[in-house]
Amino acid sequence: MSPVFTSAIFGPDGMPDRDDAQIFPYWSFTKTALAITALSLAEDGVLDIDTPVLDVTLRQLLTHTAGMPDYFTLPAYRQAVAHDEDPWPRERLIRDTLAQGRLFAPGAGWSYSNLGYLLAREAIETASGQSFATLFSTRIAKRLGLHTARLAETRDQFAAVHWPQAHHYHPGWVYHGCLIGTAADAARLLHGLFTGKLLSPSSLTQMMVTHPLGGALPGRPWTACGYAMGLMSGRMGAAGRGIGHSGGGPFSVNAVYHFPDLDTPATVASFTTGPHEGIAEHACVNAAIAP
C-alpha cells in the first residue's frame, strides 16, 4: 500500500501530533476554504449568498444544488490533463461543460459540480474586489497561523508539491483553485473552523446544513453520506460523524475530517498517492480512533 502522510489535531489546543514539511495538493478540500470565505464575506455584508449568480444562487453553487454539470465528465478534459497540456481558456471550459446540459432546475436536486465552484469563486471575487488567493490569505491563513497553505496558480508554484508527478502539472486545471500546504496546515484549517476561529456560530450552523445522499460506500468508511456547504458530512463507522472533505487529482488523494463524536474530538488530514480516496479516508478514521 502507498504510504499515507497523516497529521492529526486533538483537543482545543490546536497542536498537531506531527508537523512534517512535505507540501501536498489539497485538491477539493479547497472547496471548504471557498465556502468559508463566502460566509465570512457575508458576515461583513460584502455579499449575500442567496443573491442570484446568473440563474442560480451562491448558496446553491456551494451546496451542489444548482444543477450544474461537471467538467471532469468531459473525455477531452481528462485527455488534456493526461497529456500535460496547458489549461483551456475559461470560455471553452464553461462552453463545453454546459453543452452537456443542465441536470435539474436550481434547488431541485444534488450533483457534484466543479464548474459550480468555479462560478462560486468568480462571484466571491467579483463581490469582494479581491482575488481568492488574497481572501484566503487574509481571512483564513493569517487568522490561523497557516505558514505553508497557499493557492498554487502556476506550474512553478505547484512544483513545491511532494510528489515528482506534480512537477509538471498545471494547477489551473482545477478551475476553482487548488490550495497546497502541509498536512498539518490542512488539519489546522478545518480545526480552526470547528473551534470558532473563522466563522460566527450562526454562519457555521448555515454551513453545516446537510443534504443527505445515502448510506455506505464500497471501499470507503462512510456508513451515511451527505453534503453541506463545502463540506462532506455523514458518519464513518466507529468514529461517528465525519465532517470535512476528500479530494483527488491525477496522482494523489487526500481526506481532511473533523470527528466531533469522539471522547476527544479530533481533526485529521491524510494524504497518499493513487486514485482511491477511500485509502486516505480510512487513514483519517484510523488516526482519529487510535488509542
C-alpha atoms as a PDB file:
ATOM      1  CA  MET A   1       0.000   0.000   0.000  1.00  0.00           C
ATOM      2  CA  SER A   2       1.183   3.541  -0.752  1.00  0.00           C
ATOM      3  CA  PRO A   3       2.476   5.468   2.263  1.00  0.00           C
ATOM      4  CA  VAL A   4      -0.041   7.749   3.933  1.00  0.00           C
ATOM      5  CA  PHE A   5       1.133  11.005   5.463  1.00  0.00           C
ATOM      6  CA  THR A   6      -1.141  11.996   8.314  1.00  0.00           C
ATOM      7  CA  SER A   7      -1.430  14.962  10.635  1.00  0.00           C
ATOM      8  CA  ALA A   8      -3.956  14.950  13.472  1.00  0.00           C
ATOM      9  CA  ILE A   9      -5.072  17.687  15.840  1.00  0.00           C
ATOM     10  CA  PHE A  10      -6.683  16.732  19.152  1.00  0.00           C
ATOM     11  CA  GLY A  11      -8.492  18.852  21.714  1.00  0.00           C
ATOM     12  CA  PRO A  12      -8.872  22.617  21.950  1.00  0.00           C
ATOM     13  CA  ASP A  13      -5.160  23.489  21.949  1.00  0.00           C
ATOM     14  CA  GLY A  14      -4.852  23.040  18.179  1.00  0.00           C
ATOM     15  CA  MET A  15      -1.494  21.320  18.357  1.00  0.00           C
ATOM     16  CA  PRO A  16      -0.716  18.700  15.686  1.00  0.00           C
ATOM     17  CA  ASP A  17       0.774  15.360  16.627  1.00  0.00           C
ATOM     18  CA  ARG A  18       3.191  15.824  13.732  1.00  0.00           C
ATOM     19  CA  ASP A  19       4.195  18.796  11.614  1.00  0.00           C
ATOM     20  CA  ASP A  20       6.103  17.468   8.623  1.00  0.00           C
ATOM     21  CA  ALA A  21       7.492  19.781   5.968  1.00  0.00           C
ATOM     22  CA  GLN A  22       6.130  17.977   2.899  1.00  0.00           C
ATOM     23  CA  ILE A  23       3.825  20.084   0.720  1.00  0.00           C
ATOM     24  CA  PHE A  24       0.697  18.404  -0.653  1.00  0.00           C
ATOM     25  CA  PRO A  25      -2.100  19.454  -3.000  1.00  0.00           C
ATOM     26  CA  TYR A  26      -5.378  19.983  -1.161  1.00  0.00           C
ATOM     27  CA  TRP A  27      -7.462  19.360  -4.304  1.00  0.00           C
ATOM     28  CA  SER A  28     -11.173  19.592  -3.432  1.00  0.00           C
ATOM     29  CA  PHE A  29     -10.548  20.484   0.193  1.00  0.00           C
ATOM     30  CA  THR A  30     -10.148  23.914  -1.433  1.00  0.00           C
ATOM     31  CA  LYS A  31     -13.955  23.912  -1.726  1.00  0.00           C
ATOM     32  CA  THR A  32     -14.171  24.073   2.063  1.00  0.00           C
ATOM     33  CA  ALA A  33     -11.985  27.185   2.054  1.00  0.00           C
ATOM     34  CA  LEU A  34     -14.135  28.776  -0.662  1.00  0.00           C
ATOM     35  CA  ALA A  35     -17.305  28.179   1.342  1.00  0.00           C
ATOM     36  CA  ILE A  36     -15.683  29.614   4.489  1.00  0.00           C
ATOM     37  CA  THR A  37     -14.598  32.670   2.512  1.00  0.00           C
ATOM     38  CA  ALA A  38     -18.114  33.233   1.145  1.00  0.00           C
ATOM     39  CA  LEU A  39     -19.697  33.035   4.600  1.00  0.00           C
ATOM     40  CA  SER A  40     -17.006  35.280   6.083  1.00  0.00           C
ATOM     41  CA  LEU A  41     -17.734  37.911   3.429  1.00  0.00           C
ATOM     42  CA  ALA A  42     -21.470  37.523   4.061  1.00  0.00           C
ATOM     43  CA  GLU A  43     -20.904  38.223   7.761  1.00  0.00           C
ATOM     44  CA  ASP A  44     -19.260  41.506   6.761  1.00  0.00           C
ATOM     45  CA  GLY A  45     -22.103  42.418   4.407  1.00  0.00           C
ATOM     46  CA  VAL A  46     -19.881  42.165   1.326  1.00  0.00           C
ATOM     47  CA  LEU A  47     -22.123  39.633  -0.391  1.00  0.00           C
ATOM     48  CA  ASP A  48     -25.399  37.757   0.026  1.00  0.00           C
ATOM     49  CA  ILE A  49     -25.148  34.030  -0.652  1.00  0.00           C
ATOM     50  CA  ASP A  50     -28.816  33.997  -1.709  1.00  0.00           C
ATOM     51  CA  THR A  51     -28.417  36.676  -4.395  1.00  0.00           C
ATOM     52  CA  PRO A  52     -28.664  35.139  -7.894  1.00  0.00           C
ATOM     53  CA  VAL A  53     -25.493  34.404  -9.860  1.00  0.00           C
ATOM     54  CA  LEU A  54     -26.855  34.110 -13.393  1.00  0.00           C
ATOM     55  CA  ASP A  55     -29.950  31.996 -12.697  1.00  0.00           C
ATOM     56  CA  VAL A  56     -28.737  30.275  -9.513  1.00  0.00           C
ATOM     57  CA  THR A  57     -27.655  31.457  -6.066  1.00  0.00           C
ATOM     58  CA  LEU A  58     -24.223  31.309  -4.493  1.00  0.00           C
ATOM     59  CA  ARG A  59     -25.695  29.037  -1.807  1.00  0.00           C
ATOM     60  CA  GLN A  60     -26.838  26.584  -4.498  1.00  0.00           C
ATOM     61  CA  LEU A  61     -23.404  26.619  -6.138  1.00  0.00           C
ATOM     62  CA  LEU A  62     -21.675  25.981  -2.807  1.00  0.00           C
ATOM     63  CA  THR A  63     -24.030  23.108  -1.902  1.00  0.00           C
ATOM     64  CA  HIS A  64     -24.012  21.461  -5.372  1.00  0.00           C
ATOM     65  CA  THR A  65     -27.765  22.025  -5.720  1.00  0.00           C
ATOM     66  CA  ALA A  66     -27.587  24.385  -8.727  1.00  0.00           C
ATOM     67  CA  GLY A  67     -27.999  21.660 -11.362  1.00  0.00           C
ATOM     68  CA  MET A  68     -24.625  22.404 -12.976  1.00  0.00           C
ATOM     69  CA  PRO A  69     -22.854  19.633 -14.923  1.00  0.00           C
ATOM     70  CA  ASP A  70     -19.229  18.791 -14.135  1.00  0.00           C
ATOM     71  CA  TYR A  71     -16.242  19.264 -16.440  1.00  0.00           C
ATOM     72  CA  PHE A  72     -14.490  16.121 -15.209  1.00  0.00           C
ATOM     73  CA  THR A  73     -17.021  14.086 -17.214  1.00  0.00           C
ATOM     74  CA  LEU A  74     -15.595  15.531 -20.458  1.00  0.00           C
ATOM     75  CA  PRO A  75     -13.262  12.963 -22.102  1.00  0.00           C
ATOM     76  CA  ALA A  76     -11.333  15.788 -23.788  1.00  0.00           C
ATOM     77  CA  TYR A  77     -10.676  17.401 -20.405  1.00  0.00           C
ATOM     78  CA  ARG A  78      -9.248  14.200 -18.924  1.00  0.00           C
ATOM     79  CA  GLN A  79      -7.130  13.584 -22.042  1.00  0.00           C
ATOM     80  CA  ALA A  80      -5.708  17.107 -21.974  1.00  0.00           C
ATOM     81  CA  VAL A  81      -4.741  16.731 -18.310  1.00  0.00           C
ATOM     82  CA  ALA A  82      -3.136  13.340 -19.021  1.00  0.00           C
ATOM     83  CA  HIS A  83      -1.120  14.893 -21.869  1.00  0.00           C
ATOM     84  CA  ASP A  84       0.118  17.677 -19.577  1.00  0.00           C
ATOM     85  CA  GLU A  85      -1.358  20.437 -21.732  1.00  0.00           C
ATOM     86  CA  ASP A  86      -1.959  23.979 -20.543  1.00  0.00           C
ATOM     87  CA  PRO A  87      -5.441  24.622 -19.101  1.00  0.00           C
ATOM     88  CA  TRP A  88      -8.167  25.614 -21.503  1.00  0.00           C
ATOM     89  CA  PRO A  89      -9.412  29.201 -21.581  1.00  0.00           C
ATOM     90  CA  ARG A  90     -12.279  29.767 -19.169  1.00  0.00           C
ATOM     91  CA  GLU A  91     -14.723  30.347 -22.029  1.00  0.00           C
ATOM     92  CA  ARG A  92     -14.029  26.952 -23.596  1.00  0.00           C
ATOM     93  CA  LEU A  93     -14.256  25.162 -20.263  1.00  0.00           C
ATOM     94  CA  ILE A  94     -17.652  26.704 -19.480  1.00  0.00           C
ATOM     95  CA  ARG A  95     -18.980  26.252 -23.026  1.00  0.00           C
ATOM     96  CA  ASP A  96     -18.024  22.588 -23.292  1.00  0.00           C
ATOM     97  CA  THR A  97     -19.235  21.762 -19.783  1.00  0.00           C
ATOM     98  CA  LEU A  98     -22.608  23.475 -20.171  1.00  0.00           C
ATOM     99  CA  ALA A  99     -23.059  21.772 -23.546  1.00  0.00           C
ATOM    100  CA  GLN A 100     -23.725  18.594 -21.556  1.00  0.00           C
ATOM    101  CA  GLY A 101     -26.966  20.198 -20.372  1.00  0.00           C
ATOM    102  CA  ARG A 102     -28.236  21.334 -17.008  1.00  0.00           C
ATOM    103  CA  LEU A 103     -29.026  18.380 -14.749  1.00  0.00           C
ATOM    104  CA  PHE A 104     -32.072  19.770 -12.923  1.00  0.00           C
ATOM    105  CA  ALA A 105     -33.725  23.028 -12.007  1.00  0.00           C
ATOM    106  CA  PRO A 106     -31.818  25.015  -9.362  1.00  0.00           C
ATOM    107  CA  GLY A 107     -32.637  23.686  -5.911  1.00  0.00           C
ATOM    108  CA  ALA A 108     -34.423  20.602  -7.254  1.00  0.00           C
ATOM    109  CA  GLY A 109     -31.642  18.038  -6.754  1.00  0.00           C
ATOM    110  CA  TRP A 110     -27.983  17.441  -5.958  1.00  0.00           C
ATOM    111  CA  SER A 111     -24.986  16.732  -8.184  1.00  0.00           C
ATOM    112  CA  TYR A 112     -21.292  17.390  -7.548  1.00  0.00           C
ATOM    113  CA  SER A 113     -20.004  20.097  -9.869  1.00  0.00           C
ATOM    114  CA  ASN A 114     -16.522  21.563 -10.120  1.00  0.00           C
ATOM    115  CA  LEU A 115     -17.936  24.061 -12.617  1.00  0.00           C
ATOM    116  CA  GLY A 116     -20.318  25.255  -9.916  1.00  0.00           C
ATOM    117  CA  TYR A 117     -17.371  26.034  -7.657  1.00  0.00           C
ATOM    118  CA  LEU A 118     -15.588  27.924 -10.434  1.00  0.00           C
ATOM    119  CA  LEU A 119     -18.677  30.133 -10.743  1.00  0.00           C
ATOM    120  CA  ALA A 120     -18.800  30.461  -6.955  1.00  0.00           C
ATOM    121  CA  ARG A 121     -15.156  31.579  -6.833  1.00  0.00           C
ATOM    122  CA  GLU A 122     -15.807  34.171  -9.540  1.00  0.00           C
ATOM    123  CA  ALA A 123     -18.862  35.501  -7.697  1.00  0.00           C
ATOM    124  CA  ILE A 124     -16.830  35.797  -4.478  1.00  0.00           C
ATOM    125  CA  GLU A 125     -14.014  37.634  -6.249  1.00  0.00           C
ATOM    126  CA  THR A 126     -16.409  39.978  -8.058  1.00  0.00           C
ATOM    127  CA  ALA A 127     -18.317  40.899  -4.899  1.00  0.00           C
ATOM    128  CA  SER A 128     -15.174  41.470  -2.827  1.00  0.00           C
ATOM    129  CA  GLY A 129     -12.971  43.028  -5.496  1.00  0.00           C
ATOM    130  CA  GLN A 130     -10.170  40.720  -4.341  1.00  0.00           C
ATOM    131  CA  SER A 131      -8.627  37.516  -5.628  1.00  0.00           C
ATOM    132  CA  PHE A 132      -9.328  34.238  -3.882  1.00  0.00           C
ATOM    133  CA  ALA A 133      -5.581  33.998  -3.120  1.00  0.00           C
ATOM    134  CA  THR A 134      -5.762  37.283  -1.206  1.00  0.00           C
ATOM    135  CA  LEU A 135      -9.029  36.397   0.525  1.00  0.00           C
ATOM    136  CA  PHE A 136      -7.654  33.031   1.636  1.00  0.00           C
ATOM    137  CA  SER A 137      -4.519  34.673   2.997  1.00  0.00           C
ATOM    138  CA  THR A 138      -6.313  37.407   4.955  1.00  0.00           C
ATOM    139  CA  ARG A 139      -9.480  35.638   6.091  1.00  0.00           C
ATOM    140  CA  ILE A 140      -8.137  32.145   6.799  1.00  0.00           C
ATOM    141  CA  ALA A 141      -4.361  31.660   6.696  1.00  0.00           C
ATOM    142  CA  LYS A 142      -3.321  34.708   8.754  1.00  0.00           C
ATOM    143  CA  ARG A 143      -6.092  34.193  11.309  1.00  0.00           C
ATOM    144  CA  LEU A 144      -4.997  30.615  11.929  1.00  0.00           C
ATOM    145  CA  GLY A 145      -1.239  30.985  11.515  1.00  0.00           C
ATOM    146  CA  LEU A 146      -1.063  28.731   8.460  1.00  0.00           C
ATOM    147  CA  HIS A 147       2.512  29.220   7.319  1.00  0.00           C
ATOM    148  CA  THR A 148       2.527  26.882   4.307  1.00  0.00           C
ATOM    149  CA  ALA A 149      -1.029  26.843   2.926  1.00  0.00           C
ATOM    150  CA  ARG A 150      -1.469  28.970  -0.188  1.00  0.00           C
ATOM    151  CA  LEU A 151      -3.108  28.993  -3.599  1.00  0.00           C
ATOM    152  CA  ALA A 152      -0.941  27.490  -6.364  1.00  0.00           C
ATOM    153  CA  GLU A 153      -1.589  29.100  -9.741  1.00  0.00           C
ATOM    154  CA  THR A 154       1.445  28.168 -11.867  1.00  0.00           C
ATOM    155  CA  ARG A 155       3.484  25.062 -12.655  1.00  0.00           C
ATOM    156  CA  ASP A 156       6.437  26.542 -10.790  1.00  0.00           C
ATOM    157  CA  GLN A 157       4.355  27.082  -7.636  1.00  0.00           C
ATOM    158  CA  PHE A 158       2.915  23.563  -7.874  1.00  0.00           C
ATOM    159  CA  ALA A 159       6.418  22.109  -8.221  1.00  0.00           C
ATOM    160  CA  ALA A 160       6.787  22.511  -4.439  1.00  0.00           C
ATOM    161  CA  VAL A 161       4.434  19.535  -4.003  1.00  0.00           C
ATOM    162  CA  HIS A 162       5.997  16.399  -2.505  1.00  0.00           C
ATOM    163  CA  TRP A 163       5.364  14.008  -5.407  1.00  0.00           C
ATOM    164  CA  PRO A 164       7.514  14.096  -8.574  1.00  0.00           C
ATOM    165  CA  GLN A 165       4.367  13.797 -10.709  1.00  0.00           C
ATOM    166  CA  ALA A 166       3.399  17.272  -9.561  1.00  0.00           C
ATOM    167  CA  HIS A 167       6.458  18.956 -11.004  1.00  0.00           C
ATOM    168  CA  HIS A 168       4.894  19.403 -14.442  1.00  0.00           C
ATOM    169  CA  TYR A 169       1.194  19.571 -13.548  1.00  0.00           C
ATOM    170  CA  HIS A 170      -0.610  22.874 -14.081  1.00  0.00           C
ATOM    171  CA  PRO A 171      -2.921  23.640 -11.117  1.00  0.00           C
ATOM    172  CA  GLY A 172      -5.070  25.744 -13.423  1.00  0.00           C
ATOM    173  CA  TRP A 173      -6.814  22.508 -14.405  1.00  0.00           C
ATOM    174  CA  VAL A 174      -8.522  22.798 -11.014  1.00  0.00           C
ATOM    175  CA  TYR A 175     -10.614  25.745 -12.151  1.00  0.00           C
ATOM    176  CA  HIS A 176     -11.944  26.744  -8.740  1.00  0.00           C
ATOM    177  CA  GLY A 177      -8.366  26.813  -7.462  1.00  0.00           C
ATOM    178  CA  CYS A 178      -6.045  24.348  -5.747  1.00  0.00           C
ATOM    179  CA  LEU A 179      -4.541  25.119  -2.358  1.00  0.00           C
ATOM    180  CA  ILE A 180      -1.273  23.461  -1.392  1.00  0.00           C
ATOM    181  CA  GLY A 181       0.388  23.126   2.002  1.00  0.00           C
ATOM    182  CA  THR A 182       1.402  20.688   4.695  1.00  0.00           C
ATOM    183  CA  ALA A 183      -0.898  18.082   6.182  1.00  0.00           C
ATOM    184  CA  ALA A 184      -0.685  19.909   9.498  1.00  0.00           C
ATOM    185  CA  ASP A 185      -1.923  23.169   7.969  1.00  0.00           C
ATOM    186  CA  ALA A 186      -4.824  21.344   6.313  1.00  0.00           C
ATOM    187  CA  ALA A 187      -5.822  19.946   9.696  1.00  0.00           C
ATOM    188  CA  ARG A 188      -5.316  23.340  11.350  1.00  0.00           C
ATOM    189  CA  LEU A 189      -7.652  24.927   8.802  1.00  0.00           C
ATOM    190  CA  LEU A 190     -10.540  22.550   9.496  1.00  0.00           C
ATOM    191  CA  HIS A 191      -9.830  22.551  13.226  1.00  0.00           C
ATOM    192  CA  GLY A 192      -9.993  26.343  13.180  1.00  0.00           C
ATOM    193  CA  LEU A 193     -13.401  26.217  11.540  1.00  0.00           C
ATOM    194  CA  PHE A 194     -14.845  23.915  14.202  1.00  0.00           C
ATOM    195  CA  THR A 195     -13.293  25.783  17.106  1.00  0.00           C
ATOM    196  CA  GLY A 196     -14.932  29.057  16.108  1.00  0.00           C
ATOM    197  CA  LYS A 197     -11.880  30.900  14.817  1.00  0.00           C
ATOM    198  CA  LEU A 198     -13.191  31.617  11.313  1.00  0.00           C
ATOM    199  CA  LEU A 199     -16.982  31.991  11.400  1.00  0.00           C
ATOM    200  CA  SER A 200     -19.691  33.020  13.816  1.00  0.00           C
ATOM    201  CA  PRO A 201     -21.856  30.253  15.324  1.00  0.00           C
ATOM    202  CA  SER A 202     -24.778  31.204  13.066  1.00  0.00           C
ATOM    203  CA  SER A 203     -22.614  31.055   9.930  1.00  0.00           C
ATOM    204  CA  LEU A 204     -21.194  27.685  10.956  1.00  0.00           C
ATOM    205  CA  THR A 205     -24.740  26.441  11.507  1.00  0.00           C
ATOM    206  CA  GLN A 206     -25.607  27.545   7.964  1.00  0.00           C
ATOM    207  CA  MET A 207     -22.541  25.803   6.617  1.00  0.00           C
ATOM    208  CA  MET A 208     -23.488  22.566   8.370  1.00  0.00           C
ATOM    209  CA  VAL A 209     -26.996  22.180   6.879  1.00  0.00           C
ATOM    210  CA  THR A 210     -26.642  18.808   5.155  1.00  0.00           C
ATOM    211  CA  HIS A 211     -28.295  17.286   2.091  1.00  0.00           C
ATOM    212  CA  PRO A 212     -28.489  13.513   2.794  1.00  0.00           C
ATOM    213  CA  LEU A 213     -27.107  11.362  -0.025  1.00  0.00           C
ATOM    214  CA  GLY A 214     -27.398   7.756   1.154  1.00  0.00           C
ATOM    215  CA  GLY A 215     -25.617   5.049   3.071  1.00  0.00           C
ATOM    216  CA  ALA A 216     -22.421   3.012   2.894  1.00  0.00           C
ATOM    217  CA  LEU A 217     -19.943   3.327   0.011  1.00  0.00           C
ATOM    218  CA  PRO A 218     -17.839   0.334  -1.140  1.00  0.00           C
ATOM    219  CA  GLY A 219     -14.182   0.635  -0.193  1.00  0.00           C
ATOM    220  CA  ARG A 220     -14.760   3.745   1.909  1.00  0.00           C
ATOM    221  CA  PRO A 221     -15.503   4.223   5.636  1.00  0.00           C
ATOM    222  CA  TRP A 222     -18.792   6.070   5.114  1.00  0.00           C
ATOM    223  CA  THR A 223     -21.882   4.476   6.647  1.00  0.00           C
ATOM    224  CA  ALA A 224     -24.052   7.534   5.935  1.00  0.00           C
ATOM    225  CA  CYS A 225     -23.250  10.251   3.394  1.00  0.00           C
ATOM    226  CA  GLY A 226     -24.318  13.835   2.866  1.00  0.00           C
ATOM    227  CA  TYR A 227     -23.081  17.190   1.627  1.00  0.00           C
ATOM    228  CA  ALA A 228     -23.340  20.501   3.423  1.00  0.00           C
ATOM    229  CA  MET A 229     -21.750  23.775   2.209  1.00  0.00           C
ATOM    230  CA  GLY A 230     -18.224  22.951   1.108  1.00  0.00           C
ATOM    231  CA  LEU A 231     -18.285  20.005   3.484  1.00  0.00           C
ATOM    232  CA  MET A 232     -18.869  16.290   3.092  1.00  0.00           C
ATOM    233  CA  SER A 233     -20.894  15.332   6.140  1.00  0.00           C
ATOM    234  CA  GLY A 234     -22.056  11.952   7.377  1.00  0.00           C
ATOM    235  CA  ARG A 235     -20.996   9.059   9.560  1.00  0.00           C
ATOM    236  CA  MET A 236     -17.831   6.964   9.416  1.00  0.00           C
ATOM    237  CA  GLY A 237     -18.499   3.826  11.429  1.00  0.00           C
ATOM    238  CA  ALA A 238     -16.829   3.702  14.838  1.00  0.00           C
ATOM    239  CA  ALA A 239     -15.621   7.312  14.507  1.00  0.00           C
ATOM    240  CA  GLY A 240     -19.198   8.608  14.419  1.00  0.00           C
ATOM    241  CA  ARG A 241     -19.807  11.806  12.499  1.00  0.00           C
ATOM    242  CA  GLY A 242     -17.166  12.819   9.981  1.00  0.00           C
ATOM    243  CA  ILE A 243     -17.263  16.349   8.575  1.00  0.00           C
ATOM    244  CA  GLY A 244     -14.716  17.703   6.112  1.00  0.00           C
ATOM    245  CA  HIS A 245     -13.731  16.997   2.525  1.00  0.00           C
ATOM    246  CA  SER A 246     -11.953  14.415   0.399  1.00  0.00           C
ATOM    247  CA  GLY A 247     -10.167  15.233  -2.815  1.00  0.00           C
ATOM    248  CA  GLY A 248      -8.118  13.794  -5.596  1.00  0.00           C
ATOM    249  CA  GLY A 249      -6.115  14.626  -8.674  1.00  0.00           C
ATOM    250  CA  PRO A 250      -4.125  12.757 -11.324  1.00  0.00           C
ATOM    251  CA  PHE A 251      -1.595  11.276  -8.895  1.00  0.00           C
ATOM    252  CA  SER A 252      -2.792  11.660  -5.289  1.00  0.00           C
ATOM    253  CA  VAL A 253      -5.761  11.754  -2.947  1.00  0.00           C
ATOM    254  CA  ASN A 254      -6.474  13.352   0.400  1.00  0.00           C
ATOM    255  CA  ALA A 255      -9.041  13.423   3.191  1.00  0.00           C
ATOM    256  CA  VAL A 256      -9.406  16.122   5.858  1.00  0.00           C
ATOM    257  CA  TYR A 257     -12.056  15.443   8.513  1.00  0.00           C
ATOM    258  CA  HIS A 258     -13.288  16.536  11.918  1.00  0.00           C
ATOM    259  CA  PHE A 259     -14.729  13.860  14.226  1.00  0.00           C
ATOM    260  CA  PRO A 260     -16.866  15.612  16.873  1.00  0.00           C
ATOM    261  CA  ASP A 261     -18.387  12.497  18.477  1.00  0.00           C
ATOM    262  CA  LEU A 262     -15.160  11.074  19.906  1.00  0.00           C
ATOM    263  CA  ASP A 263     -14.378  11.447  23.606  1.00  0.00           C
ATOM    264  CA  THR A 264     -11.607  13.771  22.459  1.00  0.00           C
ATOM    265  CA  PRO A 265     -12.793  15.346  19.189  1.00  0.00           C
ATOM    266  CA  ALA A 266     -10.112  15.052  16.508  1.00  0.00           C
ATOM    267  CA  THR A 267      -9.328  16.757  13.229  1.00  0.00           C
ATOM    268  CA  VAL A 268      -7.212  14.670  10.882  1.00  0.00           C
ATOM    269  CA  ALA A 269      -5.634  15.237   7.456  1.00  0.00           C
ATOM    270  CA  SER A 270      -4.333  12.332   5.365  1.00  0.00           C
ATOM    271  CA  PHE A 271      -2.559  12.377   2.001  1.00  0.00           C
ATOM    272  CA  THR A 272      -1.443   9.487  -0.192  1.00  0.00           C
ATOM    273  CA  THR A 273      -0.662   8.514  -3.765  1.00  0.00           C
ATOM    274  CA  GLY A 274      -3.125   6.765  -6.053  1.00  0.00           C
ATOM    275  CA  PRO A 275      -6.700   7.258  -7.246  1.00  0.00           C
ATOM    276  CA  HIS A 276      -8.680   5.886  -4.297  1.00  0.00           C
ATOM    277  CA  GLU A 277      -9.999   8.454  -1.817  1.00  0.00           C
ATOM    278  CA  GLY A 278     -11.086   5.622   0.467  1.00  0.00           C
ATOM    279  CA  ILE A 279      -7.451   4.926   1.420  1.00  0.00           C
ATOM    280  CA  ALA A 280      -6.995   8.452   2.744  1.00  0.00           C
ATOM    281  CA  GLU A 281     -10.432   8.409   4.405  1.00  0.00           C
ATOM    282  CA  HIS A 282      -9.703   5.131   6.199  1.00  0.00           C
ATOM    283  CA  ALA A 283      -6.366   6.599   7.349  1.00  0.00           C
ATOM    284  CA  CYS A 284      -8.268   9.549   8.840  1.00  0.00           C
ATOM    285  CA  VAL A 285     -10.642   7.277  10.734  1.00  0.00           C
ATOM    286  CA  ASN A 286      -7.829   5.035  11.994  1.00  0.00           C
ATOM    287  CA  ALA A 287      -5.838   8.037  13.240  1.00  0.00           C
ATOM    288  CA  ALA A 288      -8.904   9.524  14.927  1.00  0.00           C
ATOM    289  CA  ILE A 289      -9.842   6.397  16.874  1.00  0.00           C
ATOM    290  CA  ALA A 290      -6.307   5.211  17.635  1.00  0.00           C
ATOM    291  CA  PRO A 291      -5.633   4.908  21.385  1.00  0.00           C
END
